[in-house]
Amino acid sequence: MEIKDKTIGGIVAEDFRTAAVFKKYGIDFCCKGNRTIEEACNKKNLDYTIIQEEVETLLETPVENSLNFKSWSIDLLIDYIEKKHHRYVEEKTQEIKPYLDKICKVHGDHHPELHEINRLFNASTGELAMHMKKEELILFPAVRRMVKSQMQKTTPEKPQFGSINNPIKMMMHEHNNEGERFRQIEELSSKYNPPQDACNTYRVTFAMLKEFEDDLHLHIHLENNILFPKAIELEKQLKNA
């Protein structure tokens, strides 16, 4: 794959293993995946040639048991996002909240940043809950109807929101907001590294927060860089049919 002129999101969409390289250098591949590697490196004062070589080396390595999400049908991808990532957010939100409340109560006086982390997490998960409902009740059903129309060779029903681009732009804006909240959480938590005086609950909470952010990055990547472009392209095909 020639990567020089490809966007970071496009590279990760082709081979998700490359996400590990971008994560290593703190390069956002989901919310800000519309940049090239060179653009991202210039912004963060990173050596472009080093990162390019790491990505190219990885791409030349044979893929073993890796999920090629880009090859999936749109409806299968939607099902996967709902059952894997939406359900994860719902379950882990309820699991993490009591842990955060507990470490705030026990360690909050000596580590006041915990209160801000707690506030940001609660704000993010509250917004994510509404965001996912909008996808499940409005955007995803509209995309499924387009898929059905294509299969049955019928004219799709025109949704009230007009072009599929309209809700997609809103979802991407909301993705950016949550990506920014978790960037703040990552910074406040020293990249999820607990202090020396942290108890086991403290350490477990930070590990859970890191896992939550990692899952959110993949979740947003699948939508921004694979599902949404596929939906936009499908709408164009239906209009030109």
C-alpha atoms as a PDB file:
ATOM      1  CA  MET A   1       0.000   0.000   0.000  1.00  0.00           C
ATOM      2  CA  GLU A   2       1.357   3.459  -0.935  1.00  0.00           C
ATOM      3  CA  ILE A   3       0.820   5.457   2.248  1.00  0.00           C
ATOM      4  CA  LYS A   4       2.407   8.868   1.572  1.00  0.00           C
ATOM      5  CA  ASP A   5      -0.790  10.526   0.306  1.00  0.00           C
ATOM      6  CA  LYS A   6      -3.289   8.351   2.202  1.00  0.00           C
ATOM      7  CA  THR A   7      -5.086   9.631   5.278  1.00  0.00           C
ATOM      8  CA  ILE A   8      -4.309   8.016   8.616  1.00  0.00           C
ATOM      9  CA  GLY A   9      -7.922   6.846   8.862  1.00  0.00           C
ATOM     10  CA  GLY A  10      -7.654   5.296   5.410  1.00  0.00           C
ATOM     11  CA  ILE A  11      -4.458   3.442   6.344  1.00  0.00           C
ATOM     12  CA  VAL A  12      -6.015   2.038   9.517  1.00  0.00           C
ATOM     13  CA  ALA A  13      -9.168   1.120   7.585  1.00  0.00           C
ATOM     14  CA  GLU A  14      -7.020  -0.974   5.221  1.00  0.00           C
ATOM     15  CA  ASP A  15      -5.098  -2.654   8.065  1.00  0.00           C
ATOM     16  CA  PHE A  16      -6.147  -2.095  11.676  1.00  0.00           C
ATOM     17  CA  ARG A  17      -2.780  -3.337  12.969  1.00  0.00           C
ATOM     18  CA  THR A  18      -1.348   0.066  12.031  1.00  0.00           C
ATOM     19  CA  ALA A  19      -3.478   1.660  14.766  1.00  0.00           C
ATOM     20  CA  ALA A  20      -0.913   0.427  17.299  1.00  0.00           C
ATOM     21  CA  VAL A  21       1.818   2.516  15.645  1.00  0.00           C
ATOM     22  CA  PHE A  22      -0.292   5.684  15.676  1.00  0.00           C
ATOM     23  CA  LYS A  23      -1.359   5.028  19.271  1.00  0.00           C
ATOM     24  CA  LYS A  24       2.301   4.617  20.255  1.00  0.00           C
ATOM     25  CA  TYR A  25       3.098   8.136  19.015  1.00  0.00           C
ATOM     26  CA  GLY A  26      -0.103   9.726  20.306  1.00  0.00           C
ATOM     27  CA  ILE A  27      -1.523  10.264  16.805  1.00  0.00           C
ATOM     28  CA  ASP A  28      -5.328  10.263  16.667  1.00  0.00           C
ATOM     29  CA  PHE A  29      -6.473   7.833  13.962  1.00  0.00           C
ATOM     30  CA  CYS A  30     -10.218   8.042  14.646  1.00  0.00           C
ATOM     31  CA  CYS A  31     -11.538  11.574  15.275  1.00  0.00           C
ATOM     32  CA  LYS A  32      -8.629  13.197  13.378  1.00  0.00           C
ATOM     33  CA  GLY A  33      -8.066  10.399  10.892  1.00  0.00           C
ATOM     34  CA  ASN A  34      -8.557  12.674   7.879  1.00  0.00           C
ATOM     35  CA  ARG A  35      -4.902  13.843   7.939  1.00  0.00           C
ATOM     36  CA  THR A  36      -1.850  12.302   6.292  1.00  0.00           C
ATOM     37  CA  ILE A  37       0.959  10.935   8.466  1.00  0.00           C
ATOM     38  CA  GLU A  38       3.155  13.847   7.427  1.00  0.00           C
ATOM     39  CA  GLU A  39       0.521  16.412   8.458  1.00  0.00           C
ATOM     40  CA  ALA A  40       0.067  14.746  11.851  1.00  0.00           C
ATOM     41  CA  CYS A  41       3.838  14.549  12.389  1.00  0.00           C
ATOM     42  CA  ASN A  42       4.307  18.234  11.551  1.00  0.00           C
ATOM     43  CA  LYS A  43       1.606  19.131  14.071  1.00  0.00           C
ATOM     44  CA  LYS A  44       3.266  17.102  16.854  1.00  0.00           C
ATOM     45  CA  ASN A  45       6.919  17.728  15.839  1.00  0.00           C
ATOM     46  CA  LEU A  46       7.501  14.017  15.174  1.00  0.00           C
ATOM     47  CA  ASP A  47       9.932  12.434  12.705  1.00  0.00           C
ATOM     48  CA  TYR A  48       7.773  11.463   9.738  1.00  0.00           C
ATOM     49  CA  THR A  49      10.314   9.031   8.231  1.00  0.00           C
ATOM     50  CA  ILE A  50      10.489   6.901  11.399  1.00  0.00           C
ATOM     51  CA  ILE A  51       6.727   6.503  11.659  1.00  0.00           C
ATOM     52  CA  GLN A  52       6.356   5.917   7.931  1.00  0.00           C
ATOM     53  CA  GLU A  53       8.961   3.126   8.098  1.00  0.00           C
ATOM     54  CA  GLU A  54       7.213   1.481  11.068  1.00  0.00           C
ATOM     55  CA  VAL A  55       3.849   1.563   9.284  1.00  0.00           C
ATOM     56  CA  GLU A  56       5.300   0.251   6.017  1.00  0.00           C
ATOM     57  CA  THR A  57       7.150  -2.560   7.828  1.00  0.00           C
ATOM     58  CA  LEU A  58       3.940  -3.595   9.542  1.00  0.00           C
ATOM     59  CA  LEU A  59       1.992  -3.506   6.280  1.00  0.00           C
ATOM     60  CA  GLU A  60       4.558  -5.816   4.681  1.00  0.00           C
ATOM     61  CA  THR A  61       4.094  -8.367   7.480  1.00  0.00           C
ATOM     62  CA  PRO A  62       1.538 -11.102   6.622  1.00  0.00           C
ATOM     63  CA  VAL A  63      -1.798 -10.706   8.369  1.00  0.00           C
ATOM     64  CA  GLU A  64      -2.704 -13.488  10.791  1.00  0.00           C
ATOM     65  CA  ASN A  65      -6.232 -13.794  12.156  1.00  0.00           C
ATOM     66  CA  SER A  66      -6.898 -10.073  11.677  1.00  0.00           C
ATOM     67  CA  LEU A  67     -10.417  -8.795  11.048  1.00  0.00           C
ATOM     68  CA  ASN A  68     -10.688  -6.967   7.728  1.00  0.00           C
ATOM     69  CA  PHE A  69     -13.559  -4.656   8.644  1.00  0.00           C
ATOM     70  CA  LYS A  70     -13.366  -2.816   5.335  1.00  0.00           C
ATOM     71  CA  SER A  71     -14.442  -5.961   3.473  1.00  0.00           C
ATOM     72  CA  TRP A  72     -17.584  -6.362   5.590  1.00  0.00           C
ATOM     73  CA  SER A  73     -21.027  -5.475   4.253  1.00  0.00           C
ATOM     74  CA  ILE A  74     -22.586  -2.321   5.695  1.00  0.00           C
ATOM     75  CA  ASP A  75     -25.364  -4.125   7.543  1.00  0.00           C
ATOM     76  CA  LEU A  76     -22.913  -6.617   9.080  1.00  0.00           C
ATOM     77  CA  LEU A  77     -20.696  -3.744  10.236  1.00  0.00           C
ATOM     78  CA  ILE A  78     -23.684  -1.983  11.829  1.00  0.00           C
ATOM     79  CA  ASP A  79     -24.685  -5.183  13.644  1.00  0.00           C
ATOM     80  CA  TYR A  80     -21.125  -5.585  14.916  1.00  0.00           C
ATOM     81  CA  ILE A  81     -20.888  -1.982  16.147  1.00  0.00           C
ATOM     82  CA  GLU A  82     -24.190  -2.248  17.995  1.00  0.00           C
ATOM     83  CA  LYS A  83     -23.584  -5.643  19.573  1.00  0.00           C
ATOM     84  CA  LYS A  84     -19.881  -5.197  20.322  1.00  0.00           C
ATOM     85  CA  HIS A  85     -19.206  -1.509  20.938  1.00  0.00           C
ATOM     86  CA  HIS A  86     -22.575  -0.044  21.942  1.00  0.00           C
ATOM     87  CA  ARG A  87     -23.126  -2.882  24.373  1.00  0.00           C
ATOM     88  CA  TYR A  88     -19.571  -2.463  25.714  1.00  0.00           C
ATOM     89  CA  VAL A  89     -20.165   1.231  26.462  1.00  0.00           C
ATOM     90  CA  GLU A  90     -23.453   0.460  28.239  1.00  0.00           C
ATOM     91  CA  GLU A  91     -21.983  -2.314  30.388  1.00  0.00           C
ATOM     92  CA  LYS A  92     -18.635  -0.712  31.236  1.00  0.00           C
ATOM     93  CA  THR A  93     -20.205   2.647  32.100  1.00  0.00           C
ATOM     94  CA  GLN A  94     -22.099   1.007  34.957  1.00  0.00           C
ATOM     95  CA  GLU A  95     -19.007  -0.937  35.988  1.00  0.00           C
ATOM     96  CA  ILE A  96     -16.547   1.965  36.051  1.00  0.00           C
ATOM     97  CA  LYS A  97     -18.715   4.618  37.732  1.00  0.00           C
ATOM     98  CA  PRO A  98     -18.726   3.032  41.239  1.00  0.00           C
ATOM     99  CA  TYR A  99     -14.946   2.524  41.063  1.00  0.00           C
ATOM    100  CA  LEU A 100     -14.382   6.164  40.165  1.00  0.00           C
ATOM    101  CA  ASP A 101     -16.698   7.322  42.944  1.00  0.00           C
ATOM    102  CA  LYS A 102     -14.818   5.156  45.440  1.00  0.00           C
ATOM    103  CA  ILE A 103     -11.307   6.349  44.559  1.00  0.00           C
ATOM    104  CA  CYS A 104     -12.536   9.962  44.544  1.00  0.00           C
ATOM    105  CA  LYS A 105     -13.837   9.478  48.073  1.00  0.00           C
ATOM    106  CA  VAL A 106     -10.689   7.737  49.342  1.00  0.00           C
ATOM    107  CA  HIS A 107      -7.931   9.492  47.366  1.00  0.00           C
ATOM    108  CA  GLY A 108      -9.590  12.695  46.121  1.00  0.00           C
ATOM    109  CA  ASP A 109      -8.069  14.950  48.786  1.00  0.00           C
ATOM    110  CA  HIS A 110      -4.504  14.025  47.813  1.00  0.00           C
ATOM    111  CA  HIS A 111      -5.260  13.609  44.106  1.00  0.00           C
ATOM    112  CA  PRO A 112      -7.848  16.273  43.217  1.00  0.00           C
ATOM    113  CA  GLU A 113      -7.492  15.460  39.497  1.00  0.00           C
ATOM    114  CA  LEU A 114      -9.613  12.377  40.199  1.00  0.00           C
ATOM    115  CA  HIS A 115     -12.688  14.570  40.653  1.00  0.00           C
ATOM    116  CA  GLU A 116     -12.164  16.116  37.211  1.00  0.00           C
ATOM    117  CA  ILE A 117     -11.607  12.680  35.662  1.00  0.00           C
ATOM    118  CA  ASN A 118     -14.853  11.532  37.262  1.00  0.00           C
ATOM    119  CA  ARG A 119     -16.717  14.578  35.961  1.00  0.00           C
ATOM    120  CA  LEU A 120     -15.368  14.117  32.435  1.00  0.00           C
ATOM    121  CA  PHE A 121     -16.167  10.392  32.394  1.00  0.00           C
ATOM    122  CA  ASN A 122     -19.737  10.981  33.557  1.00  0.00           C
ATOM    123  CA  ALA A 123     -20.219  13.743  30.992  1.00  0.00           C
ATOM    124  CA  SER A 124     -18.795  11.580  28.221  1.00  0.00           C
ATOM    125  CA  THR A 125     -20.802   8.465  29.001  1.00  0.00           C
ATOM    126  CA  GLY A 126     -23.989  10.516  29.339  1.00  0.00           C
ATOM    127  CA  GLU A 127     -23.427  12.019  25.896  1.00  0.00           C
ATOM    128  CA  LEU A 128     -22.424   8.647  24.442  1.00  0.00           C
ATOM    129  CA  ALA A 129     -25.672   7.078  25.677  1.00  0.00           C
ATOM    130  CA  MET A 130     -27.722   9.685  23.775  1.00  0.00           C
ATOM    131  CA  HIS A 131     -25.386   9.502  20.785  1.00  0.00           C
ATOM    132  CA  MET A 132     -25.767   5.739  20.453  1.00  0.00           C
ATOM    133  CA  LYS A 133     -29.564   5.977  20.674  1.00  0.00           C
ATOM    134  CA  LYS A 134     -29.574   8.470  17.797  1.00  0.00           C
ATOM    135  CA  GLU A 135     -27.525   6.034  15.759  1.00  0.00           C
ATOM    136  CA  GLU A 136     -29.699   3.056  16.667  1.00  0.00           C
ATOM    137  CA  LEU A 137     -33.031   4.826  16.115  1.00  0.00           C
ATOM    138  CA  ILE A 138     -32.261   7.216  13.228  1.00  0.00           C
ATOM    139  CA  LEU A 139     -28.993   6.758  11.329  1.00  0.00           C
ATOM    140  CA  PHE A 140     -28.517   2.987  11.324  1.00  0.00           C
ATOM    141  CA  PRO A 141     -32.142   2.177  10.316  1.00  0.00           C
ATOM    142  CA  ALA A 142     -31.786   4.650   7.410  1.00  0.00           C
ATOM    143  CA  VAL A 143     -28.607   2.916   6.241  1.00  0.00           C
ATOM    144  CA  ARG A 144     -30.256  -0.499   6.557  1.00  0.00           C
ATOM    145  CA  ARG A 145     -33.149   0.740   4.407  1.00  0.00           C
ATOM    146  CA  MET A 146     -30.672   1.800   1.719  1.00  0.00           C
ATOM    147  CA  VAL A 147     -29.053  -1.638   1.830  1.00  0.00           C
ATOM    148  CA  LYS A 148     -32.488  -3.268   1.463  1.00  0.00           C
ATOM    149  CA  SER A 149     -33.363  -0.993  -1.466  1.00  0.00           C
ATOM    150  CA  GLN A 150     -30.130  -1.883  -3.230  1.00  0.00           C
ATOM    151  CA  MET A 151     -30.746  -5.608  -2.769  1.00  0.00           C
ATOM    152  CA  GLN A 152     -34.368  -5.393  -3.910  1.00  0.00           C
ATOM    153  CA  LYS A 153     -33.605  -2.849  -6.646  1.00  0.00           C
ATOM    154  CA  THR A 154     -36.246  -0.439  -5.344  1.00  0.00           C
ATOM    155  CA  THR A 155     -36.259   3.323  -4.814  1.00  0.00           C
ATOM    156  CA  PRO A 156     -35.342   4.062  -1.188  1.00  0.00           C
ATOM    157  CA  GLU A 157     -37.677   6.050   0.999  1.00  0.00           C
ATOM    158  CA  LYS A 158     -36.349   9.589   1.459  1.00  0.00           C
ATOM    159  CA  PRO A 159     -35.658  10.207   5.161  1.00  0.00           C
ATOM    160  CA  GLN A 160     -36.841  13.357   6.926  1.00  0.00           C
ATOM    161  CA  PHE A 161     -33.264  14.470   7.532  1.00  0.00           C
ATOM    162  CA  GLY A 162     -32.515  14.573   3.777  1.00  0.00           C
ATOM    163  CA  SER A 163     -29.090  13.306   2.748  1.00  0.00           C
ATOM    164  CA  ILE A 164     -27.361  10.667   4.870  1.00  0.00           C
ATOM    165  CA  ASN A 165     -24.528  13.205   5.109  1.00  0.00           C
ATOM    166  CA  ASN A 166     -26.549  15.285   7.563  1.00  0.00           C
ATOM    167  CA  PRO A 167     -26.769  12.837  10.494  1.00  0.00           C
ATOM    168  CA  ILE A 168     -23.272  11.562   9.698  1.00  0.00           C
ATOM    169  CA  LYS A 169     -21.820  15.070  10.124  1.00  0.00           C
ATOM    170  CA  MET A 170     -23.600  15.349  13.465  1.00  0.00           C
ATOM    171  CA  MET A 171     -22.295  11.968  14.630  1.00  0.00           C
ATOM    172  CA  MET A 172     -18.740  12.869  13.612  1.00  0.00           C
ATOM    173  CA  HIS A 173     -18.979  16.159  15.510  1.00  0.00           C
ATOM    174  CA  GLU A 174     -20.108  14.263  18.600  1.00  0.00           C
ATOM    175  CA  HIS A 175     -17.267  11.773  18.122  1.00  0.00           C
ATOM    176  CA  ASN A 176     -14.828  14.698  18.201  1.00  0.00           C
ATOM    177  CA  ASN A 177     -16.319  15.930  21.463  1.00  0.00           C
ATOM    178  CA  GLU A 178     -15.882  12.577  23.192  1.00  0.00           C
ATOM    179  CA  GLY A 179     -12.433  12.103  21.722  1.00  0.00           C
ATOM    180  CA  GLU A 180     -11.458  15.442  23.265  1.00  0.00           C
ATOM    181  CA  ARG A 181     -12.903  14.497  26.671  1.00  0.00           C
ATOM    182  CA  PHE A 182     -10.876  11.303  26.735  1.00  0.00           C
ATOM    183  CA  ARG A 183      -7.738  13.153  25.663  1.00  0.00           C
ATOM    184  CA  GLN A 184      -8.233  15.261  28.797  1.00  0.00           C
ATOM    185  CA  ILE A 185      -8.795  12.159  30.939  1.00  0.00           C
ATOM    186  CA  GLU A 186      -5.630  10.586  29.515  1.00  0.00           C
ATOM    187  CA  GLU A 187      -3.649  13.724  30.326  1.00  0.00           C
ATOM    188  CA  LEU A 188      -5.058  14.074  33.855  1.00  0.00           C
ATOM    189  CA  SER A 189      -4.306  10.422  34.597  1.00  0.00           C
ATOM    190  CA  SER A 190      -0.712  10.627  33.270  1.00  0.00           C
ATOM    191  CA  LYS A 191      -1.722   8.244  30.468  1.00  0.00           C
ATOM    192  CA  TYR A 192      -3.483   5.973  32.956  1.00  0.00           C
ATOM    193  CA  ASN A 193      -0.405   5.532  35.133  1.00  0.00           C
ATOM    194  CA  PRO A 194      -1.510   5.479  38.808  1.00  0.00           C
ATOM    195  CA  PRO A 195       0.649   7.216  41.432  1.00  0.00           C
ATOM    196  CA  GLN A 196       2.867   5.281  43.847  1.00  0.00           C
ATOM    197  CA  ASP A 197       0.359   5.542  46.690  1.00  0.00           C
ATOM    198  CA  ALA A 198      -2.465   4.074  44.579  1.00  0.00           C
ATOM    199  CA  CYS A 199      -4.404   1.151  46.031  1.00  0.00           C
ATOM    200  CA  ASN A 200      -5.516  -1.845  43.957  1.00  0.00           C
ATOM    201  CA  THR A 201      -8.914  -0.256  43.264  1.00  0.00           C
ATOM    202  CA  TYR A 202      -7.162   2.872  41.977  1.00  0.00           C
ATOM    203  CA  ARG A 203      -5.002   0.761  39.635  1.00  0.00           C
ATOM    204  CA  VAL A 204      -7.934  -1.317  38.410  1.00  0.00           C
ATOM    205  CA  THR A 205      -9.968   1.840  37.717  1.00  0.00           C
ATOM    206  CA  PHE A 206      -7.207   3.366  35.582  1.00  0.00           C
ATOM    207  CA  ALA A 207      -6.791   0.077  33.685  1.00  0.00           C
ATOM    208  CA  MET A 208     -10.536   0.019  33.009  1.00  0.00           C
ATOM    209  CA  LEU A 209     -10.507   3.633  31.822  1.00  0.00           C
ATOM    210  CA  LYS A 210      -7.660   2.862  29.415  1.00  0.00           C
ATOM    211  CA  GLU A 211      -9.531  -0.150  28.050  1.00  0.00           C
ATOM    212  CA  PHE A 212     -12.653   2.015  27.659  1.00  0.00           C
ATOM    213  CA  GLU A 213     -10.721   4.638  25.682  1.00  0.00           C
ATOM    214  CA  ASP A 214      -9.087   1.977  23.477  1.00  0.00           C
ATOM    215  CA  ASP A 215     -12.488   0.482  22.684  1.00  0.00           C
ATOM    216  CA  LEU A 216     -13.900   3.950  21.972  1.00  0.00           C
ATOM    217  CA  HIS A 217     -11.076   4.647  19.517  1.00  0.00           C
ATOM    218  CA  LEU A 218     -11.852   1.463  17.578  1.00  0.00           C
ATOM    219  CA  HIS A 219     -15.592   2.196  17.801  1.00  0.00           C
ATOM    220  CA  ILE A 220     -15.165   5.701  16.341  1.00  0.00           C
ATOM    221  CA  HIS A 221     -12.677   4.466  13.732  1.00  0.00           C
ATOM    222  CA  LEU A 222     -15.123   1.847  12.425  1.00  0.00           C
ATOM    223  CA  GLU A 223     -17.785   4.520  11.993  1.00  0.00           C
ATOM    224  CA  ASN A 224     -15.773   7.545  10.801  1.00  0.00           C
ATOM    225  CA  ASN A 225     -13.367   5.744   8.486  1.00  0.00           C
ATOM    226  CA  ILE A 226     -15.333   2.713   7.244  1.00  0.00           C
ATOM    227  CA  LEU A 227     -19.089   2.727   7.907  1.00  0.00           C
ATOM    228  CA  PHE A 228     -19.825   6.386   7.144  1.00  0.00           C
ATOM    229  CA  PRO A 229     -17.877   6.519   3.832  1.00  0.00           C
ATOM    230  CA  LYS A 230     -19.601   3.273   2.764  1.00  0.00           C
ATOM    231  CA  ALA A 231     -23.034   4.761   3.593  1.00  0.00           C
ATOM    232  CA  ILE A 232     -22.287   7.975   1.665  1.00  0.00           C
ATOM    233  CA  GLU A 233     -21.095   5.954  -1.337  1.00  0.00           C
ATOM    234  CA  LEU A 234     -24.203   3.731  -1.198  1.00  0.00           C
ATOM    235  CA  GLU A 235     -26.466   6.782  -1.228  1.00  0.00           C
ATOM    236  CA  LYS A 236     -24.652   8.049  -4.358  1.00  0.00           C
ATOM    237  CA  GLN A 237     -25.044   4.665  -6.073  1.00  0.00           C
ATOM    238  CA  LEU A 238     -28.774   4.573  -5.329  1.00  0.00           C
ATOM    239  CA  LYS A 239     -29.263   8.086  -6.702  1.00  0.00           C
ATOM    240  CA  ASN A 240     -27.414   7.192  -9.912  1.00  0.00           C
ATOM    241  CA  ALA A 241     -29.141   3.823 -10.387  1.00  0.00           C
END
